[in-house]
Structure formats: C-alpha cells, structure tokens
Amino acid sequence: MRRPDRLLVGLLVLGGCLLRTPDPPRFFRPDSKALEAAAEEHADPPAANAIAIRLRGVRSEPFLRERIVWRSSEVEYGLYEQRRWIDLPARYVEQALGQRLRATPGLRLTDDPQAVALRVVVLAFDEVLAPTHEADVTLAVTLEDRARGRLLTRTLDARAGIENDAPASMAKAMGQALDDAVAQVADAVRLGLQDHPASVAR
C-alpha cells in the first residue's frame, strides 16, 4: 500500500473514532426497603411521649454525586462514565433515614428548632472492587442538643456483598447496605438519647 493510501486509511479510522457516538448513560436506584417504605408514606403516628428529633439536611463528600463511584483500595477511587444514580446519594440517605427514624419506637421527626438535631454526612456510597466486591455505605453522625451540646458522634459503616459484575447486582447490594446503615443510625440515636435523659426531658 502506498504511503498516501495508508495516510487516507489512518485518517478514516481516526475520524471514525472521533465521530463515534458515546454509549448513553444508564441510571440506577438502590434496591432499598427503606426507600420503598418512604415512597409509600403510611407510617403510624408517633406516640405522644416520643422524643422529637430534627433531621438536618444530609450532606455528602463532594465527589458523591450522580456518577457511581468505584473504589479499588483505600486510596484509589474512580467514577463510572455511564453508570449513574437517578438521585444523589445524600438524598437517598435522607429519605431512607427519615423513614427509619419515623419507624423507630420512642422517636418522632419534627421541624422544631429546639429539638435535638441530627446531622449526617455521607462518607462512602461506593462500589468496592477489592479485596472483596461489595457495596459500602459509611455515615458520619452527630447528635446535638442546644442546651447540652454534642450527645453523640459516631461513624457507622455498612457493607453488603455484590454477587456478580452486573450493575443491577450492585444496586441491590447498595440498597441492602443503605438499609443497614440507616438502621444503625436510628439505633445509635435512640441509645444516645437514653444515655442523656436530661437533654430531652424538657
């Protein structure tokens, strides 16, 4: 093949690569029982003597956005190009946690600024690739009383194994980890308030 012909073939191949249409994004939602219950919104009314909790807006690490995060070690992270969440991880945690707190005996959610405030930051909402393939949801939790200050500071971690490489399997496992994480938060809040009865007696 003559040099001009090779050059023409090379330009055609390069042009095909440049003009190639990227794969469209694929959207996923964690398969969470708490999220399903939150969507139905038929929780029983709380008892009259239940402790009022004000759930502040859940925040997250800046990179935890729509694109799904993978992690291959404690120091290496990446973002999938096409795999995305339908909503933000912080929003999923807020919805699931609100439902779980409403279902926890002895607690009730309120907007009263005088109530004990619960602050949550999402530290991980990751697909862990190694050494074990699993979904990881890690939450930093702070419980504060206006009069007595900080009642609780914990970091809670929940993991669920991912059975194969299919993205749907990851979404199912992430839902399980999310349900476990918000259950841990609700239990920690309930126990933390029991340990500080004077803070909530008002």
Protein backbone atom coordinates (compact mmCIF):
# COMPACT_ATOMS: atom_id res chain seq x y z
CA MET A 1 0.00 0.00 0.00
CA ARG A 2 1.37 3.39 -0.98
CA ARG A 3 2.02 5.99 1.69
CA PRO A 4 -0.85 8.33 0.61
CA ASP A 5 -3.23 5.37 0.77
CA ARG A 6 -2.02 4.44 4.27
CA LEU A 7 -2.45 8.05 5.33
CA LEU A 8 -6.01 8.13 3.99
CA VAL A 9 -6.92 4.89 5.79
CA GLY A 10 -5.43 6.25 9.03
CA LEU A 11 -7.44 9.46 8.71
CA LEU A 12 -10.64 7.50 8.09
CA VAL A 13 -10.05 5.33 11.18
CA LEU A 14 -9.26 8.38 13.30
CA GLY A 15 -12.35 10.16 12.03
CA GLY A 16 -14.48 7.15 12.90
CA CYS A 17 -13.13 7.18 16.44
CA LEU A 18 -13.73 10.90 16.86
CA LEU A 19 -17.27 10.75 15.48
CA ARG A 20 -18.28 7.65 17.43
CA THR A 21 -21.40 8.24 19.48
CA PRO A 22 -20.71 7.53 23.19
CA ASP A 23 -22.82 4.96 24.97
CA PRO A 24 -25.82 6.60 26.68
CA PRO A 25 -25.79 6.79 30.49
CA ARG A 26 -27.53 4.07 32.48
CA PHE A 27 -29.42 5.09 35.61
CA PHE A 28 -29.84 3.04 38.80
CA ARG A 29 -31.62 3.27 42.13
CA PRO A 30 -30.59 1.38 45.30
CA ASP A 31 -32.93 -1.56 45.94
CA SER A 32 -33.80 -0.38 49.46
CA LYS A 33 -36.76 -1.39 51.60
CA ALA A 34 -36.50 1.90 53.49
CA LEU A 35 -36.73 3.89 50.24
CA GLU A 36 -39.75 1.88 49.15
CA ALA A 37 -41.45 2.49 52.51
CA ALA A 38 -40.62 6.21 52.34
CA ALA A 39 -42.31 6.43 48.93
CA GLU A 40 -45.49 4.85 50.33
CA GLU A 41 -45.64 7.30 53.29
CA HIS A 42 -48.08 5.46 55.55
CA ALA A 43 -46.14 5.30 58.82
CA ASP A 44 -48.13 5.10 62.04
CA PRO A 45 -48.29 8.35 64.06
CA PRO A 46 -45.63 8.54 66.80
CA ALA A 47 -46.51 8.12 70.46
CA ALA A 48 -47.25 11.30 72.38
CA ASN A 49 -44.21 10.85 74.62
CA ALA A 50 -41.80 10.16 71.74
CA ILE A 51 -38.59 12.22 71.69
CA ALA A 52 -38.52 14.89 69.00
CA ILE A 53 -35.63 14.69 66.54
CA ARG A 54 -34.85 17.27 63.87
CA LEU A 55 -33.07 15.69 60.91
CA ARG A 56 -30.91 18.34 59.28
CA GLY A 57 -30.24 18.17 55.55
CA VAL A 58 -27.94 15.23 54.84
CA ARG A 59 -24.66 16.25 53.18
CA SER A 60 -22.05 14.16 51.38
CA GLU A 61 -18.45 14.20 50.22
CA PRO A 62 -18.19 16.39 47.08
CA PHE A 63 -17.45 13.51 44.68
CA LEU A 64 -20.56 11.55 45.71
CA ARG A 65 -22.86 12.86 43.01
CA GLU A 66 -24.88 11.21 40.22
CA ARG A 67 -21.99 9.22 38.74
CA ILE A 68 -21.47 5.94 40.61
CA VAL A 69 -18.19 5.71 42.49
CA TRP A 70 -15.96 2.63 42.42
CA ARG A 71 -13.09 2.03 44.83
CA SER A 72 -10.25 -0.46 44.37
CA SER A 73 -8.37 0.41 47.57
CA GLU A 74 -8.41 2.91 50.41
CA VAL A 75 -6.53 5.37 48.20
CA GLU A 76 -7.85 4.75 44.65
CA TYR A 77 -11.29 5.90 43.54
CA GLY A 78 -12.95 6.38 40.19
CA LEU A 79 -16.24 7.33 38.58
CA TYR A 80 -18.11 5.23 36.04
CA GLU A 81 -18.70 7.10 32.79
CA GLN A 82 -22.15 5.66 32.02
CA ARG A 83 -23.42 4.29 35.37
CA ARG A 84 -25.30 6.92 37.36
CA TRP A 85 -27.73 7.21 40.25
CA ILE A 86 -31.16 8.61 39.49
CA ASP A 87 -30.86 10.84 42.58
CA LEU A 88 -27.96 11.96 44.76
CA PRO A 89 -26.63 9.51 47.38
CA ALA A 90 -27.24 12.13 50.10
CA ARG A 91 -30.88 12.30 49.04
CA TYR A 92 -31.23 8.52 49.20
CA VAL A 93 -29.75 8.51 52.71
CA GLU A 94 -32.03 11.34 53.83
CA GLN A 95 -35.17 9.61 52.55
CA ALA A 96 -34.24 6.19 53.96
CA LEU A 97 -33.12 7.62 57.30
CA GLY A 98 -36.26 9.72 57.70
CA GLN A 99 -38.40 6.64 57.17
CA ARG A 100 -36.33 4.57 59.60
CA LEU A 101 -36.47 7.24 62.32
CA ARG A 102 -40.25 7.52 61.93
CA ALA A 103 -40.50 3.74 62.36
CA THR A 104 -38.29 3.71 65.49
CA PRO A 105 -40.28 3.46 68.74
CA GLY A 106 -39.75 6.41 71.05
CA LEU A 107 -38.68 8.84 68.31
CA ARG A 108 -40.55 11.34 66.18
CA LEU A 109 -39.35 13.71 63.48
CA THR A 110 -40.03 17.42 63.82
CA ASP A 111 -39.04 20.79 62.34
CA ASP A 112 -38.88 22.40 65.79
CA PRO A 113 -35.51 24.23 66.06
CA GLN A 114 -35.47 23.49 69.81
CA ALA A 115 -35.43 19.73 69.22
CA VAL A 116 -32.32 17.58 69.34
CA ALA A 117 -30.61 17.93 65.94
CA LEU A 118 -29.28 15.00 63.94
CA ARG A 119 -26.59 15.79 61.36
CA VAL A 120 -25.41 13.17 58.87
CA VAL A 121 -22.61 13.27 56.30
CA VAL A 122 -22.29 10.52 53.68
CA LEU A 123 -18.63 9.50 53.60
CA ALA A 124 -18.99 6.50 51.29
CA PHE A 125 -21.61 5.29 48.83
CA ASP A 126 -19.16 3.18 46.87
CA GLU A 127 -18.85 0.01 44.87
CA VAL A 128 -15.77 -1.61 46.41
CA LEU A 129 -13.93 -3.73 43.85
CA ALA A 130 -11.16 -5.23 46.01
CA PRO A 131 -10.24 -7.10 48.07
CA THR A 132 -13.95 -8.05 48.30
CA HIS A 133 -16.60 -6.97 45.81
CA GLU A 134 -19.18 -5.19 47.98
CA ALA A 135 -21.32 -2.10 48.42
CA ASP A 136 -20.22 0.30 51.15
CA VAL A 137 -22.31 3.00 52.83
CA THR A 138 -20.49 4.96 55.54
CA LEU A 139 -22.19 7.73 57.53
CA ALA A 140 -20.75 10.25 59.98
CA VAL A 141 -23.42 11.00 62.60
CA THR A 142 -23.65 13.84 65.11
CA LEU A 143 -26.48 14.35 67.62
CA GLU A 144 -26.63 17.79 69.25
CA ASP A 145 -28.77 19.38 71.94
CA ARG A 146 -29.00 23.19 72.04
CA ALA A 147 -28.63 23.27 75.83
CA ARG A 148 -26.09 20.50 76.45
CA GLY A 149 -24.10 20.38 73.25
CA ARG A 150 -22.99 17.23 71.47
CA LEU A 151 -24.58 14.00 72.68
CA LEU A 152 -23.24 11.59 70.07
CA THR A 153 -20.52 11.43 67.44
CA ARG A 154 -20.13 8.18 65.51
CA THR A 155 -19.04 6.88 62.14
CA LEU A 156 -21.19 3.95 61.05
CA ASP A 157 -20.27 1.60 58.22
CA ALA A 158 -22.48 -0.93 56.44
CA ARG A 159 -21.45 -3.33 53.69
CA ALA A 160 -23.22 -5.88 51.52
CA GLY A 161 -21.63 -8.36 49.11
CA ILE A 162 -22.17 -7.91 45.36
CA GLU A 163 -22.75 -11.31 43.78
CA ASN A 164 -21.53 -10.54 40.23
CA ASP A 165 -20.35 -7.76 37.91
CA ALA A 166 -23.83 -6.75 36.72
CA PRO A 167 -24.69 -3.14 37.63
CA ALA A 168 -28.13 -4.26 38.83
CA SER A 169 -26.45 -6.53 41.41
CA MET A 170 -24.50 -3.53 42.67
CA ALA A 171 -27.72 -1.50 43.03
CA LYS A 172 -29.35 -4.33 45.01
CA ALA A 173 -26.38 -4.63 47.34
CA MET A 174 -26.23 -0.85 47.78
CA GLY A 175 -29.86 -0.91 48.88
CA GLN A 176 -29.06 -3.56 51.49
CA ALA A 177 -26.08 -1.56 52.76
CA LEU A 178 -28.21 1.60 52.87
CA ASP A 179 -30.93 -0.14 54.91
CA ASP A 180 -28.30 -1.47 57.33
CA ALA A 181 -26.62 1.93 57.66
CA VAL A 182 -29.81 3.87 58.47
CA ALA A 183 -30.87 1.15 60.94
CA GLN A 184 -27.53 1.60 62.72
CA VAL A 185 -28.08 5.37 62.84
CA ALA A 186 -31.59 5.03 64.28
CA ASP A 187 -30.37 2.60 66.96
CA ALA A 188 -27.42 4.86 67.83
CA VAL A 189 -29.73 7.88 68.16
CA ARG A 190 -32.20 6.00 70.35
CA LEU A 191 -29.46 4.70 72.63
CA GLY A 192 -27.70 8.06 72.70
CA LEU A 193 -30.86 9.77 73.91
CA GLN A 194 -31.41 7.09 76.54
CA ASP A 195 -27.90 7.79 77.84
CA HIS A 196 -28.71 11.53 78.16
CA PRO A 197 -32.27 11.64 79.52
CA ALA A 198 -31.86 15.13 80.97
CA SER A 199 -31.21 16.51 77.49
CA VAL A 200 -34.64 15.52 76.25
CA ALA A 201 -36.72 15.85 79.40
CA ARG A 202 -37.61 19.43 78.60
